[in-house]
Structure formats: structure tokens, C-alpha cells
Amino acid sequence: MTASPGGAGAATALRLWGVFLLLLIVAAAPVFSTVLPPLVDYPNHLARMHLLMAGGDRCYAVRWAALPNLAEDLIVPPLARVMPLALAAKLFLIATFALLAGGVVWLNRIATGGWRWWPLAAFLFLYTRTLLWGFLNYLFGVGFALCGAALWLTLEERRASLRILASSIVGLICFFSHLAAFGIYGLIIIGVELPPALAELRARRWRVFARRVAILAPQFLAPGAVFFFLSPHEAGGAIAYGAIWRKADLLFSVFDNYSRPFDIACFAALTGLLLALAVTRRLGLDRRLGCALALLAASYLLAPSQMLAGSAADHRLPAAGFLLLVAASAPRFPRRRVAAAAGAVLAAMLVARMAVIEEVWLTADRVYTAVLDGIDRLPSGATLALAYPPGAVNMVKIPLLHIATLAIPRREAFVPTLFAVPGQQPVVLRPPYAALAAAAPPPLLWSGLTGGDVAARAAAFSALAGYDYVAVTDRQPVQVPPSRCLAPVFRQQRFQIFAVVHGGACGPAPVMKTGRAGPS
């Protein structure tokens, strides 16, 4: 790797990692100041971790398979056997932060030949839209990919057998963490190997080139074999592309949190700094990591928005791209005073952004505390349907879309919206409950319970025949017209729970007996 002048030595490294630990504590503060981090998918993941710990229950079965989406599933349940599940899940989140930022610092050290303060800018890219959606397995895998790339380069001059073994293990970990994270790892490794490989081809050093390929290839063979021969695959898996202009807009997702004007100002300031450094040729981009960055950028432009039954495929890439850009660069400021000023501005930006995040998360904590109290009013073993409009599957400051799934660990309930898709999660619905879930899609219930159409209302109550309760939620305040077939249990502005009244004019009682204690 091309080495750039910079601080070196044990003293510099010690100070750097000391500041790293301090910044990690700052990044962790919002996580531990809330009962539930306001990440869209987080409650759903937490419910799945509970089921994996318990080995399933009457509604859900555990079906382990070679799935490329298992980071949290393999780490959190064992941790939760020695500590509360909520704490284990939060520690996994902090470990993800540490891998992402630590991977950037380590990779920058190998790329530039010295310890630098610049890669600590990675902490600015932890609270991205990707995190707020709750794509935790992917982010954990990206962090491991960055560390794996640093290890690959660290071992470049070591024995080939050691490098093959270490990289093969890293490849498998990235693969089982998340398929997209393994793809990013592959792009980085191929990118850093491409310049020397091309140089060897131009010089016609065939034996050296063949040896490089022989060392490179094994880390992709085992994950490829697992994916094609052992991993279950869903039928279909349509590929869909979004509007091309969204590619430019999605770059902003790395800073798009809670205050659009503030986030735009921060994004403009940082990208302006990077562009100014690039234009004046002071960015100091490492050639090999720059090649990896180019491959990642090309993949971003070509990536669809949906593939292999996964959504937001291209949405996930900007965060990884910015982290790799920080790892690959070594800015050369004209004077020490300018460097200090730039560092002070970035530090102030980080503190301000964390303050905004903390304020929103503390507000979310009050909302979640109230909603969880409402969920705790349900009897053990209840069946809880969920109603929401299609537009509810979107980003809001305080997401409530999946909070109903916490009735699974808290009340041993059945909630049909748990992520339990064969081929994607190691938890599946048992057949009777799979049929019950299929009968009550949330948009159908929403249109019937909140609208005025008589036919839609009849269809909704027919779908609720197997349920004891229904929770209604939306991004906006919820308005459910009074009905003699719904008995209010909990009311909050955007989340409400009703007991479903069965019998008489309200239709037949549920077929499944779940030990419910709702009204009849």
C-alpha cells in the first residue's frame, strides 16, 4: 500500500484509540438512554431473538438453515442467556458501531502507513438511514468486511496459507452476517487486488499473477458453495429498479436523520470539504482502495432497488461507500492550523448531530414506555392482529410499525407481522398460524376498520374471526370509528389496541383457543 506521512508510534496509537473509545461512548449514549432504540425493524428483530432463545413456541418454529442473514441471530440469543435480552441486543448494536468505525481506522492505518486522526470521521456515518431502518445484520457485516479488508492487506507479506485461512474465515463470517455485506467485502478485496494484478499481466509475470489469483479465490469459494448448494432460495425474487435520479438523492441518506435543514447543512459541509480536498489534490486517496471505491460506486449505480426478495438493495450502499472513502484517504492540509480547524468543525458537527439524535430518542422513549404498558395489558397467549395502511411502511422519527411484535416476548402472543419468511429468517410460522396470518393482511384490516366502506368493514371483521385483539397504527394520528365489535384496550395518538368482540352480530368466536381473556 502507498504510505503517506502521518503520526506513528505507540504513543500516537494509544491516544488515537483513547479518543476512539470516547467517541464510541458518545455514539452509544442514545442507545442506552432509551428502553427501545427507535429503529423501524428493531422490535421485530427483538421478538425473533426471544423465539430463538426459547427454541420457538406454539405459534413459531425455529428452522435453522445456511442463511446469509444471521449475524444478530447467532450472536444475541447466546448473549441473552447470561444477561437480559434487551441489553444483549443493545450490545450487539454497539459492537456494530465499533466494527464500522474500528474497521475504518485499521484500514486507513494499513493504507496510509501511519496512525491518523482523520479516520475518526467514520463516527459521522454511524447514524445513517440504513441504521434507522434497522438493517443491523447488514451493518454488522459491513463492519466486519472493513476489518477483513484491513486483515487481508496486513497479511500481504505473510505466508500464503495463513492469508488463505484468515480470509476464508472472514469471507464466511461476512456471508453469514448478510449477503450484501459479503458482496461489499468481495468488491473491496477485488478492488485492492486489481492494480497489482494488472501490473503483473502487463509485465507478463504469469506465474506471479496465477499465484495471486490462487490466494485470492479461496475466500469466495466456500460462501459461493454454501449459497448455491445449501442456502434455501425463495421462488421468484423479482428485480426492480427505482428512478435513476434517486441514486444522487440516496447519497444524502448517510446524514438524513431527523432535521432536514440541519442534516442538509452537515452533508453539504462535509461533501464540500471532500470535494475541495479532491479538487486541490490534497485528499490523498490510496490507489488500491481508490480502485475498490470505484468498483463500489459502479455497483451502486447498477444496483436495483429490489433483488433476491430483499428491498432497498441500493439504499444500503452509500453508507459503506462513505466509510470506505474515509478509510482510503489521507488529507494533506496546507497548514497545521487549517487541519486543526477542520478537525474542530467535524467534532462540533458530530456533537451537534448526537445532541439532535439524543433529543429525538428521549422523546421516543416516552412514547415507547406508554405503548409497552398498553401491550402489557394483553393476556398471555393472545392473538394480536395488526392494521396499518401501505404508506405506514416508511421512515418517521418515532416508528411504531413493528412495536406490536413485542407482544411475542412480553405476552407470549401471536403477532402475524413477525419477520418469518422461509429463506430469510430462521423462524417460521407453524402451519395453522401461517394460515391465520395470511387471512388478515394489515392493509385489508386498516381499510375496513378506519374507512367507511361497508364491504371492506365486513371483510376486515371476517379476517379478525381468529384474533382476540387488533392493534391499529400509522405515521399519522389514528382515527378508528366506534364499533360494538371493538372494545378499546389502549389508546395512544398513533397506536391503539382493541379487543375483538365475538359472537352475536359480531360474527363467530375464534376457532383457535389461545387462552385469551378478552371480552366475549
Protein backbone atom coordinates (compact mmCIF):
# COMPACT_ATOMS: atom_id res chain seq x y z
CA MET A 1 0.00 0.00 0.00
CA THR A 2 1.08 3.57 -0.59
CA ALA A 3 2.23 5.09 2.68
CA SER A 4 1.56 8.72 3.44
CA PRO A 5 3.30 10.84 6.04
CA GLY A 6 1.48 10.80 9.33
CA GLY A 7 1.71 10.25 13.06
CA ALA A 8 3.23 6.92 14.03
CA GLY A 9 4.32 5.04 17.07
CA ALA A 10 2.76 3.52 20.15
CA ALA A 11 2.03 6.88 21.79
CA THR A 12 0.05 8.13 18.80
CA ALA A 13 -1.84 4.84 18.56
CA LEU A 14 -2.66 4.94 22.28
CA ARG A 15 -4.05 8.48 22.06
CA LEU A 16 -5.98 7.65 18.91
CA TRP A 17 -7.66 4.59 20.39
CA GLY A 18 -8.37 6.51 23.59
CA VAL A 19 -10.29 9.12 21.61
CA PHE A 20 -11.92 6.27 19.64
CA LEU A 21 -13.24 4.79 22.89
CA LEU A 22 -14.55 8.18 23.99
CA LEU A 23 -16.37 8.66 20.67
CA LEU A 24 -17.80 5.15 20.90
CA ILE A 25 -19.24 6.03 24.31
CA VAL A 26 -20.78 9.16 22.80
CA ALA A 27 -22.27 7.09 19.96
CA ALA A 28 -23.64 4.57 22.47
CA ALA A 29 -25.31 7.18 24.69
CA PRO A 30 -28.65 7.33 22.80
CA VAL A 31 -28.84 3.53 22.71
CA PHE A 32 -28.62 3.19 26.48
CA SER A 33 -30.80 6.21 27.25
CA THR A 34 -33.90 4.57 25.77
CA VAL A 35 -35.93 1.49 26.60
CA LEU A 36 -36.09 0.74 22.86
CA PRO A 37 -33.93 2.31 20.12
CA PRO A 38 -36.32 3.92 17.59
CA LEU A 39 -35.19 1.84 14.61
CA VAL A 40 -38.01 0.70 12.32
CA ASP A 41 -37.28 -3.06 12.32
CA TYR A 42 -35.71 -3.26 15.80
CA PRO A 43 -38.78 -4.53 17.74
CA ASN A 44 -39.34 -7.22 15.12
CA HIS A 45 -35.73 -8.39 15.45
CA LEU A 46 -36.01 -8.37 19.24
CA ALA A 47 -39.09 -10.61 19.09
CA ARG A 48 -37.23 -13.04 16.83
CA MET A 49 -34.27 -13.15 19.24
CA HIS A 50 -36.67 -14.14 22.02
CA LEU A 51 -38.05 -17.01 19.94
CA LEU A 52 -34.57 -18.23 19.03
CA MET A 53 -33.66 -18.26 22.72
CA ALA A 54 -36.79 -20.23 23.56
CA GLY A 55 -36.46 -22.62 20.61
CA GLY A 56 -39.85 -21.49 19.28
CA ASP A 57 -43.33 -21.76 20.78
CA ARG A 58 -46.81 -22.91 19.83
CA CYS A 59 -47.04 -20.32 17.03
CA TYR A 60 -43.47 -20.12 15.70
CA ALA A 61 -40.92 -22.81 14.90
CA VAL A 62 -37.14 -22.40 14.69
CA ARG A 63 -35.76 -23.70 11.38
CA TRP A 64 -32.02 -23.14 11.18
CA ALA A 65 -30.55 -23.07 7.70
CA ALA A 66 -27.47 -21.70 5.93
CA LEU A 67 -28.97 -18.24 5.52
CA PRO A 68 -26.82 -15.24 4.54
CA ASN A 69 -28.57 -13.05 7.12
CA LEU A 70 -27.70 -14.42 10.57
CA ALA A 71 -25.34 -12.04 12.38
CA GLU A 72 -27.73 -10.94 15.12
CA ASP A 73 -29.45 -14.34 15.20
CA LEU A 74 -26.20 -16.15 16.01
CA ILE A 75 -24.82 -13.61 18.49
CA VAL A 76 -27.66 -12.11 20.52
CA PRO A 77 -29.53 -15.24 21.75
CA PRO A 78 -26.38 -16.80 23.32
CA LEU A 79 -25.58 -13.43 24.95
CA ALA A 80 -29.13 -13.21 26.24
CA ARG A 81 -28.62 -16.41 28.23
CA VAL A 82 -26.27 -14.56 30.57
CA MET A 83 -27.93 -11.11 30.52
CA PRO A 84 -31.31 -9.54 29.73
CA LEU A 85 -32.29 -9.80 26.07
CA ALA A 86 -32.73 -6.02 25.77
CA LEU A 87 -29.13 -5.49 26.96
CA ALA A 88 -27.75 -8.19 24.66
CA ALA A 89 -29.45 -6.59 21.64
CA LYS A 90 -28.07 -3.17 22.55
CA LEU A 91 -24.56 -4.56 22.98
CA PHE A 92 -24.83 -6.06 19.50
CA LEU A 93 -25.69 -2.60 18.20
CA ILE A 94 -22.68 -1.05 19.95
CA ALA A 95 -20.44 -3.85 18.63
CA THR A 96 -21.66 -2.93 15.15
CA PHE A 97 -20.64 0.69 15.75
CA ALA A 98 -17.22 -0.47 16.96
CA LEU A 99 -16.68 -2.69 13.91
CA LEU A 100 -17.70 0.04 11.45
CA ALA A 101 -15.56 2.81 12.95
CA GLY A 102 -12.74 0.49 14.04
CA GLY A 103 -12.57 -1.09 10.60
CA VAL A 104 -12.13 2.35 9.04
CA VAL A 105 -9.33 3.29 11.48
CA TRP A 106 -7.49 0.00 10.94
CA LEU A 107 -7.90 0.03 7.16
CA ASN A 108 -6.69 3.63 7.00
CA ARG A 109 -3.63 2.70 9.07
CA ILE A 110 -2.71 -0.05 6.62
CA ALA A 111 -3.46 2.10 3.56
CA THR A 112 -1.54 5.19 4.64
CA GLY A 113 1.25 3.65 6.70
CA GLY A 114 0.54 5.71 9.83
CA TRP A 115 -1.98 6.38 12.57
CA ARG A 116 -4.11 9.41 11.72
CA TRP A 117 -6.96 11.32 13.32
CA TRP A 118 -8.83 11.62 10.03
CA PRO A 119 -10.48 8.15 10.04
CA LEU A 120 -12.31 9.06 13.27
CA ALA A 121 -14.63 10.93 10.89
CA ALA A 122 -16.22 7.48 10.45
CA PHE A 123 -18.28 8.22 13.58
CA LEU A 124 -20.22 10.74 11.49
CA PHE A 125 -21.52 7.84 9.38
CA LEU A 126 -22.93 5.57 12.09
CA TYR A 127 -26.43 7.04 12.46
CA THR A 128 -27.48 6.73 8.83
CA ARG A 129 -30.85 5.94 7.29
CA THR A 130 -29.66 2.36 6.98
CA LEU A 131 -29.35 2.22 10.78
CA LEU A 132 -32.68 3.98 11.35
CA TRP A 133 -34.39 1.34 9.22
CA GLY A 134 -32.83 -1.28 11.48
CA PHE A 135 -30.72 -3.16 8.90
CA LEU A 136 -28.44 -4.41 11.65
CA ASN A 137 -27.19 -7.68 10.16
CA TYR A 138 -26.06 -5.79 7.08
CA LEU A 139 -24.26 -3.07 9.06
CA PHE A 140 -22.54 -5.65 11.26
CA GLY A 141 -21.39 -7.44 8.11
CA VAL A 142 -20.09 -4.20 6.56
CA GLY A 143 -18.08 -3.52 9.71
CA PHE A 144 -16.61 -6.99 9.54
CA ALA A 145 -15.90 -6.51 5.82
CA LEU A 146 -13.85 -3.38 6.55
CA CYS A 147 -11.91 -5.21 9.27
CA GLY A 148 -11.47 -8.19 6.95
CA ALA A 149 -10.06 -5.97 4.20
CA ALA A 150 -7.58 -4.49 6.69
CA LEU A 151 -6.56 -8.00 7.75
CA TRP A 152 -6.16 -9.06 4.11
CA LEU A 153 -3.71 -6.23 3.49
CA THR A 154 -1.94 -6.73 6.83
CA LEU A 155 -1.16 -10.33 5.88
CA GLU A 156 0.01 -9.46 2.37
CA GLU A 157 3.64 -10.31 3.09
CA ARG A 158 2.89 -13.29 5.33
CA ARG A 159 2.64 -16.96 4.42
CA ALA A 160 0.08 -17.70 1.70
CA SER A 161 -1.52 -20.47 3.80
CA LEU A 162 -2.17 -18.07 6.69
CA ARG A 163 -3.66 -15.48 4.37
CA ILE A 164 -5.91 -18.04 2.68
CA LEU A 165 -7.13 -19.40 6.02
CA ALA A 166 -7.78 -15.98 7.57
CA SER A 167 -9.53 -14.57 4.50
CA SER A 168 -11.67 -17.70 4.11
CA ILE A 169 -12.91 -17.33 7.69
CA VAL A 170 -13.61 -13.63 7.14
CA GLY A 171 -15.47 -14.39 3.92
CA LEU A 172 -17.74 -16.90 5.66
CA ILE A 173 -18.44 -14.51 8.55
CA CYS A 174 -19.35 -11.72 6.13
CA PHE A 175 -21.54 -14.12 4.15
CA PHE A 176 -23.47 -15.39 7.17
CA SER A 177 -23.79 -11.83 8.50
CA HIS A 178 -25.53 -10.60 5.36
CA LEU A 179 -25.30 -11.38 1.66
CA ALA A 180 -24.93 -7.71 0.66
CA ALA A 181 -22.13 -7.26 3.21
CA PHE A 182 -20.31 -10.21 1.65
CA GLY A 183 -20.74 -8.54 -1.74
CA ILE A 184 -19.14 -5.36 -0.40
CA TYR A 185 -16.27 -7.38 1.06
CA GLY A 186 -15.74 -9.02 -2.31
CA LEU A 187 -15.72 -5.69 -4.12
CA ILE A 188 -13.12 -4.26 -1.71
CA ILE A 189 -10.83 -7.28 -1.97
CA ILE A 190 -11.08 -7.45 -5.76
CA GLY A 191 -10.55 -3.70 -5.94
CA VAL A 192 -7.32 -3.72 -3.92
CA GLU A 193 -6.01 -6.71 -5.87
CA LEU A 194 -6.85 -5.32 -9.30
CA PRO A 195 -3.99 -2.76 -9.69
CA PRO A 196 -1.14 -5.19 -8.83
CA ALA A 197 -2.80 -7.96 -10.86
CA LEU A 198 -3.00 -5.71 -13.93
CA ALA A 199 0.62 -4.68 -13.44
CA GLU A 200 1.66 -8.33 -13.40
CA LEU A 201 -0.33 -9.03 -16.55
CA ARG A 202 1.23 -6.08 -18.36
CA ALA A 203 4.69 -7.30 -17.32
CA ARG A 204 3.74 -10.86 -18.37
CA ARG A 205 4.62 -12.26 -14.98
CA TRP A 206 2.19 -15.13 -15.44
CA ARG A 207 3.36 -17.21 -12.51
CA VAL A 208 3.11 -14.30 -10.07
CA PHE A 209 -0.33 -13.45 -11.44
CA ALA A 210 -1.50 -17.07 -11.11
CA ARG A 211 -0.24 -17.20 -7.52
CA ARG A 212 -2.14 -14.01 -6.67
CA VAL A 213 -5.34 -15.45 -8.10
CA ALA A 214 -4.79 -18.73 -6.26
CA ILE A 215 -4.51 -16.88 -2.94
CA LEU A 216 -7.44 -14.60 -3.72
CA ALA A 217 -10.02 -17.14 -4.87
CA PRO A 218 -10.48 -19.49 -1.86
CA GLN A 219 -12.23 -16.87 0.30
CA PHE A 220 -15.07 -16.76 -2.23
CA LEU A 221 -15.36 -20.49 -2.90
CA ALA A 222 -16.88 -21.64 0.41
CA PRO A 223 -19.50 -18.85 0.62
CA GLY A 224 -20.37 -19.48 -3.05
CA ALA A 225 -20.82 -23.20 -2.42
CA VAL A 226 -22.97 -22.53 0.66
CA PHE A 227 -25.14 -20.06 -1.23
CA PHE A 228 -25.76 -22.20 -4.30
CA PHE A 229 -25.97 -25.65 -2.68
CA LEU A 230 -27.01 -25.21 0.96
CA SER A 231 -28.91 -21.92 1.29
CA PRO A 232 -32.67 -22.10 0.72
CA HIS A 233 -33.88 -19.83 -2.07
CA GLU A 234 -37.31 -18.32 -2.45
CA ALA A 235 -39.12 -18.80 -5.70
CA GLY A 236 -39.22 -15.69 -7.81
CA GLY A 237 -37.05 -12.94 -6.44
CA ALA A 238 -38.03 -10.20 -8.86
CA ILE A 239 -35.53 -7.47 -9.73
CA ALA A 240 -36.85 -3.90 -9.72
CA TYR A 241 -35.14 -0.57 -10.37
CA GLY A 242 -36.08 2.80 -8.95
CA ALA A 243 -35.82 6.13 -10.73
CA ILE A 244 -32.23 6.88 -11.75
CA TRP A 245 -32.33 10.35 -10.16
CA ARG A 246 -32.80 8.65 -6.80
CA LYS A 247 -29.17 7.49 -6.96
CA ALA A 248 -27.98 11.05 -6.32
CA ASP A 249 -30.65 11.65 -3.68
CA LEU A 250 -29.79 8.46 -1.80
CA LEU A 251 -26.25 9.69 -1.14
CA PHE A 252 -27.82 12.10 1.34
CA SER A 253 -29.19 9.11 3.29
CA VAL A 254 -25.92 8.94 5.23
CA PHE A 255 -26.92 12.14 7.05
CA ASP A 256 -30.71 12.13 6.68
CA ASN A 257 -31.88 11.72 10.27
CA TYR A 258 -34.40 14.00 11.97
CA SER A 259 -33.89 17.66 10.98
CA ARG A 260 -33.80 18.06 7.22
CA PRO A 261 -32.30 21.62 7.15
CA PHE A 262 -29.63 20.72 9.72
CA ASP A 263 -28.84 17.41 8.02
CA ILE A 264 -28.53 19.08 4.62
CA ALA A 265 -26.17 21.68 6.07
CA CYS A 266 -23.99 18.97 7.62
CA PHE A 267 -23.96 16.92 4.43
CA ALA A 268 -23.11 19.98 2.33
CA ALA A 269 -20.28 20.96 4.69
CA LEU A 270 -18.67 17.51 4.67
CA THR A 271 -19.05 16.84 0.95
CA GLY A 272 -17.78 20.37 0.30
CA LEU A 273 -14.67 19.61 2.33
CA LEU A 274 -14.11 16.33 0.48
CA LEU A 275 -14.60 17.95 -2.92
CA ALA A 276 -12.26 20.83 -2.06
CA LEU A 277 -9.59 18.35 -0.99
CA ALA A 278 -10.11 16.30 -4.14
CA VAL A 279 -10.01 19.31 -6.50
CA THR A 280 -6.81 20.65 -4.89
CA ARG A 281 -5.33 17.13 -4.96
CA ARG A 282 -5.00 17.09 -1.19
CA LEU A 283 -7.39 14.21 -0.49
CA GLY A 284 -4.54 11.68 -0.64
CA LEU A 285 -6.63 8.78 -1.90
CA ASP A 286 -4.84 5.44 -1.76
CA ARG A 287 -4.65 3.94 -5.25
CA ARG A 288 -5.70 0.41 -4.37
CA LEU A 289 -8.53 1.36 -2.04
CA GLY A 290 -9.49 4.01 -4.59
CA CYS A 291 -9.95 1.21 -7.11
CA ALA A 292 -12.16 -0.64 -4.59
CA LEU A 293 -14.14 2.55 -4.08
CA ALA A 294 -14.64 2.87 -7.85
CA LEU A 295 -15.99 -0.69 -8.02
CA LEU A 296 -18.36 0.04 -5.14
CA ALA A 297 -19.55 3.24 -6.86
CA ALA A 298 -20.16 1.38 -10.13
CA SER A 299 -22.10 -1.31 -8.26
CA TYR A 300 -24.21 1.39 -6.61
CA LEU A 301 -25.13 2.88 -9.99
CA LEU A 302 -26.02 -0.55 -11.39
CA ALA A 303 -27.73 -1.98 -8.30
CA PRO A 304 -31.52 -2.43 -8.41
CA SER A 305 -33.76 -1.27 -5.59
CA GLN A 306 -35.04 -4.82 -5.07
CA MET A 307 -33.47 -8.21 -5.71
CA LEU A 308 -33.45 -11.73 -4.24
CA ALA A 309 -36.65 -10.91 -2.30
CA GLY A 310 -34.79 -8.11 -0.50
CA SER A 311 -35.77 -4.46 -0.59
CA ALA A 312 -33.66 -1.28 -0.62
CA ALA A 313 -30.65 -3.04 -2.15
CA ASP A 314 -29.10 0.17 -3.47
CA HIS A 315 -30.17 2.18 -0.40
CA ARG A 316 -27.65 0.25 1.70
CA LEU A 317 -24.56 1.11 -0.32
CA PRO A 318 -23.95 4.85 0.32
CA ALA A 319 -23.05 4.34 3.99
CA ALA A 320 -20.47 1.68 3.06
CA GLY A 321 -19.13 3.95 0.30
CA PHE A 322 -18.54 6.91 2.59
CA LEU A 323 -16.88 4.72 5.21
CA LEU A 324 -14.56 3.27 2.57
CA LEU A 325 -13.79 6.78 1.28
CA VAL A 326 -12.69 7.86 4.76
CA ALA A 327 -10.60 4.71 5.16
CA ALA A 328 -8.93 5.22 1.77
CA SER A 329 -7.98 8.87 2.19
CA ALA A 330 -5.25 10.82 3.99
CA PRO A 331 -5.98 14.55 3.61
CA ARG A 332 -2.96 16.86 3.38
CA PHE A 333 -3.95 20.28 4.71
CA PRO A 334 -1.71 23.22 3.79
CA ARG A 335 -1.03 24.14 7.43
CA ARG A 336 -1.44 22.52 10.82
CA ARG A 337 -3.80 25.32 11.84
CA VAL A 338 -6.10 24.53 8.91
CA ALA A 339 -6.09 20.84 9.84
CA ALA A 340 -6.94 21.70 13.45
CA ALA A 341 -9.80 23.95 12.32
CA ALA A 342 -11.21 21.23 10.05
CA GLY A 343 -10.99 18.73 12.90
CA ALA A 344 -12.75 21.13 15.28
CA VAL A 345 -15.57 21.69 12.78
CA LEU A 346 -16.06 17.94 12.27
CA ALA A 347 -16.01 17.34 16.03
CA ALA A 348 -18.59 20.09 16.59
CA MET A 349 -20.73 18.61 13.82
CA LEU A 350 -20.61 15.18 15.47
CA VAL A 351 -21.55 16.58 18.90
CA ALA A 352 -24.42 18.61 17.44
CA ARG A 353 -25.75 15.65 15.48
CA MET A 354 -25.59 13.38 18.52
CA ALA A 355 -27.45 16.01 20.56
CA VAL A 356 -30.27 16.06 17.99
CA ILE A 357 -30.40 12.26 17.95
CA GLU A 358 -30.44 12.08 21.75
CA GLU A 359 -33.33 14.55 21.95
CA VAL A 360 -35.44 12.58 19.47
CA TRP A 361 -34.62 9.26 21.11
CA LEU A 362 -35.58 10.53 24.56
CA THR A 363 -38.92 11.65 23.12
CA ALA A 364 -39.33 8.23 21.55
CA ASP A 365 -38.57 6.63 24.91
CA ARG A 366 -41.62 8.28 26.48
CA VAL A 367 -43.83 7.11 23.62
CA TYR A 368 -42.48 3.56 23.73
CA THR A 369 -42.83 3.31 27.51
CA ALA A 370 -46.53 4.14 27.20
CA VAL A 371 -47.10 1.76 24.26
CA LEU A 372 -45.32 -1.11 26.01
CA ASP A 373 -47.58 -0.53 29.00
CA GLY A 374 -50.52 -0.95 26.64
CA ILE A 375 -49.09 -4.17 25.22
CA ASP A 376 -48.61 -5.50 28.75
CA ARG A 377 -52.38 -5.23 29.29
CA LEU A 378 -52.90 -8.15 26.90
CA PRO A 379 -53.48 -11.59 28.44
CA SER A 380 -50.80 -14.22 27.99
CA GLY A 381 -51.21 -16.23 24.81
CA ALA A 382 -53.42 -13.73 22.98
CA THR A 383 -53.61 -13.44 19.21
CA LEU A 384 -52.94 -9.86 18.11
CA ALA A 385 -53.61 -8.73 14.54
CA LEU A 386 -52.10 -5.53 13.17
CA ALA A 387 -53.76 -2.93 10.94
CA TYR A 388 -51.87 -0.20 9.09
CA PRO A 389 -52.04 1.47 5.66
CA PRO A 390 -49.43 0.75 2.93
CA GLY A 391 -47.94 4.20 3.50
CA ALA A 392 -47.07 3.30 7.09
CA VAL A 393 -44.04 1.35 5.83
CA ASN A 394 -41.91 4.45 5.78
CA MET A 395 -39.47 6.43 7.88
CA VAL A 396 -40.73 8.54 10.79
CA LYS A 397 -38.97 9.95 13.83
CA ILE A 398 -40.69 7.54 16.20
CA PRO A 399 -41.54 4.34 14.29
CA LEU A 400 -44.38 2.22 15.68
CA LEU A 401 -44.83 -0.12 12.72
CA HIS A 402 -43.38 -3.22 14.39
CA ILE A 403 -43.75 -2.46 18.09
CA ALA A 404 -46.75 -4.80 18.31
CA THR A 405 -44.40 -7.74 17.75
CA LEU A 406 -43.03 -7.14 21.26
CA ALA A 407 -46.22 -8.80 22.47
CA ILE A 408 -44.43 -12.03 21.50
CA PRO A 409 -41.67 -11.83 24.15
CA ARG A 410 -43.73 -9.84 26.67
CA ARG A 411 -47.06 -11.72 26.49
CA GLU A 412 -46.25 -14.93 24.56
CA ALA A 413 -48.72 -13.69 21.96
CA PHE A 414 -49.15 -14.46 18.29
CA VAL A 415 -48.47 -11.46 16.04
CA PRO A 416 -48.69 -12.23 12.30
CA THR A 417 -46.29 -9.48 11.18
CA LEU A 418 -43.17 -11.05 12.70
CA PHE A 419 -40.42 -11.42 10.09
CA ALA A 420 -40.68 -15.16 9.49
CA VAL A 421 -40.14 -15.66 5.76
CA PRO A 422 -38.67 -19.07 4.81
CA GLY A 423 -35.28 -18.49 3.23
CA GLN A 424 -34.80 -15.17 5.02
CA GLN A 425 -35.13 -15.84 8.77
CA PRO A 426 -34.56 -18.94 10.93
CA VAL A 427 -38.04 -18.56 12.45
CA VAL A 428 -41.18 -19.61 10.58
CA LEU A 429 -44.89 -19.65 11.35
CA ARG A 430 -46.38 -23.01 12.23
CA PRO A 431 -48.97 -24.03 9.60
CA PRO A 432 -52.19 -23.11 11.47
CA TYR A 433 -50.80 -19.67 12.33
CA ALA A 434 -49.42 -19.15 8.84
CA ALA A 435 -52.98 -19.52 7.56
CA LEU A 436 -54.21 -17.15 10.26
CA ALA A 437 -51.61 -14.56 9.23
CA ALA A 438 -52.46 -14.88 5.54
CA ALA A 439 -56.12 -14.23 6.30
CA ALA A 440 -55.50 -10.83 7.90
CA PRO A 441 -53.10 -8.61 5.91
CA PRO A 442 -52.64 -5.26 7.72
CA PRO A 443 -53.80 -3.02 4.79
CA LEU A 444 -57.04 -5.02 4.50
CA LEU A 445 -57.75 -4.57 8.20
CA TRP A 446 -56.85 -0.88 8.03
CA SER A 447 -59.24 -0.12 5.18
CA GLY A 448 -62.05 -1.96 6.95
CA LEU A 449 -61.51 -0.58 10.45
CA THR A 450 -60.81 3.06 9.59
CA GLY A 451 -62.80 3.56 6.37
CA GLY A 452 -66.49 3.88 5.72
CA ASP A 453 -66.91 1.18 3.09
CA VAL A 454 -69.38 -1.45 4.33
CA ALA A 455 -67.90 -4.30 2.27
CA ALA A 456 -64.36 -3.51 3.44
CA ARG A 457 -65.56 -3.40 7.04
CA ALA A 458 -67.26 -6.79 6.69
CA ALA A 459 -64.09 -8.26 5.15
CA ALA A 460 -61.97 -6.88 7.99
CA PHE A 461 -64.14 -8.36 10.73
CA SER A 462 -64.31 -11.66 8.86
CA ALA A 463 -60.47 -11.71 8.79
CA LEU A 464 -60.42 -10.97 12.53
CA ALA A 465 -62.50 -14.06 13.32
CA GLY A 466 -59.38 -15.88 14.54
CA TYR A 467 -57.98 -13.00 16.60
CA ASP A 468 -58.52 -11.81 20.14
CA TYR A 469 -57.12 -8.29 19.64
CA VAL A 470 -56.13 -5.88 16.89
CA ALA A 471 -53.59 -3.06 17.07
CA VAL A 472 -54.04 -0.11 14.72
CA THR A 473 -51.10 2.16 13.86
CA ASP A 474 -49.99 4.71 11.30
CA ARG A 475 -47.48 7.50 10.72
CA GLN A 476 -50.33 9.95 11.38
CA PRO A 477 -52.81 10.07 14.30
CA VAL A 478 -55.15 7.08 14.17
CA GLN A 479 -58.93 7.52 13.97
CA VAL A 480 -60.95 4.30 14.41
CA PRO A 481 -64.73 4.84 14.24
CA PRO A 482 -66.63 3.39 17.25
CA SER A 483 -67.90 -0.15 16.78
CA ARG A 484 -69.73 -2.55 19.05
CA CYS A 485 -67.35 -5.23 17.76
CA LEU A 486 -64.25 -3.42 19.08
CA ALA A 487 -63.59 -2.75 22.76
CA PRO A 488 -60.82 -0.20 23.46
CA VAL A 489 -57.90 -1.55 25.50
CA PHE A 490 -55.23 1.11 24.93
CA ARG A 491 -55.31 4.45 23.13
CA GLN A 492 -52.34 6.49 22.09
CA GLN A 493 -52.25 9.03 19.28
CA ARG A 494 -50.61 6.75 16.70
CA PHE A 495 -51.06 3.30 18.27
CA GLN A 496 -54.28 1.80 19.61
CA ILE A 497 -55.29 -1.67 20.76
CA PHE A 498 -58.83 -3.04 20.64
CA ALA A 499 -60.28 -6.31 21.87
CA VAL A 500 -62.24 -8.05 19.10
CA VAL A 501 -65.77 -8.86 20.26
CA HIS A 502 -67.00 -12.23 19.00
CA GLY A 503 -70.45 -13.73 18.96
CA GLY A 504 -73.85 -12.36 18.07
CA ALA A 505 -73.84 -9.70 15.38
CA CYS A 506 -70.04 -9.55 15.53
CA GLY A 507 -69.55 -12.97 13.99
CA PRO A 508 -68.30 -16.35 15.22
CA ALA A 509 -65.84 -16.86 18.04
CA PRO A 510 -62.21 -17.70 17.14
CA VAL A 511 -61.54 -21.25 16.01
CA MET A 512 -58.13 -21.34 17.75
CA LYS A 513 -58.12 -21.42 21.53
CA THR A 514 -55.28 -19.34 22.82
CA GLY A 515 -56.15 -18.77 26.44
CA ARG A 516 -57.39 -15.28 25.72
CA ALA A 517 -59.08 -13.18 28.33
CA GLY A 518 -60.76 -10.63 26.09
CA PRO A 519 -64.44 -9.71 26.06
CA SER A 520 -66.96 -12.02 24.50
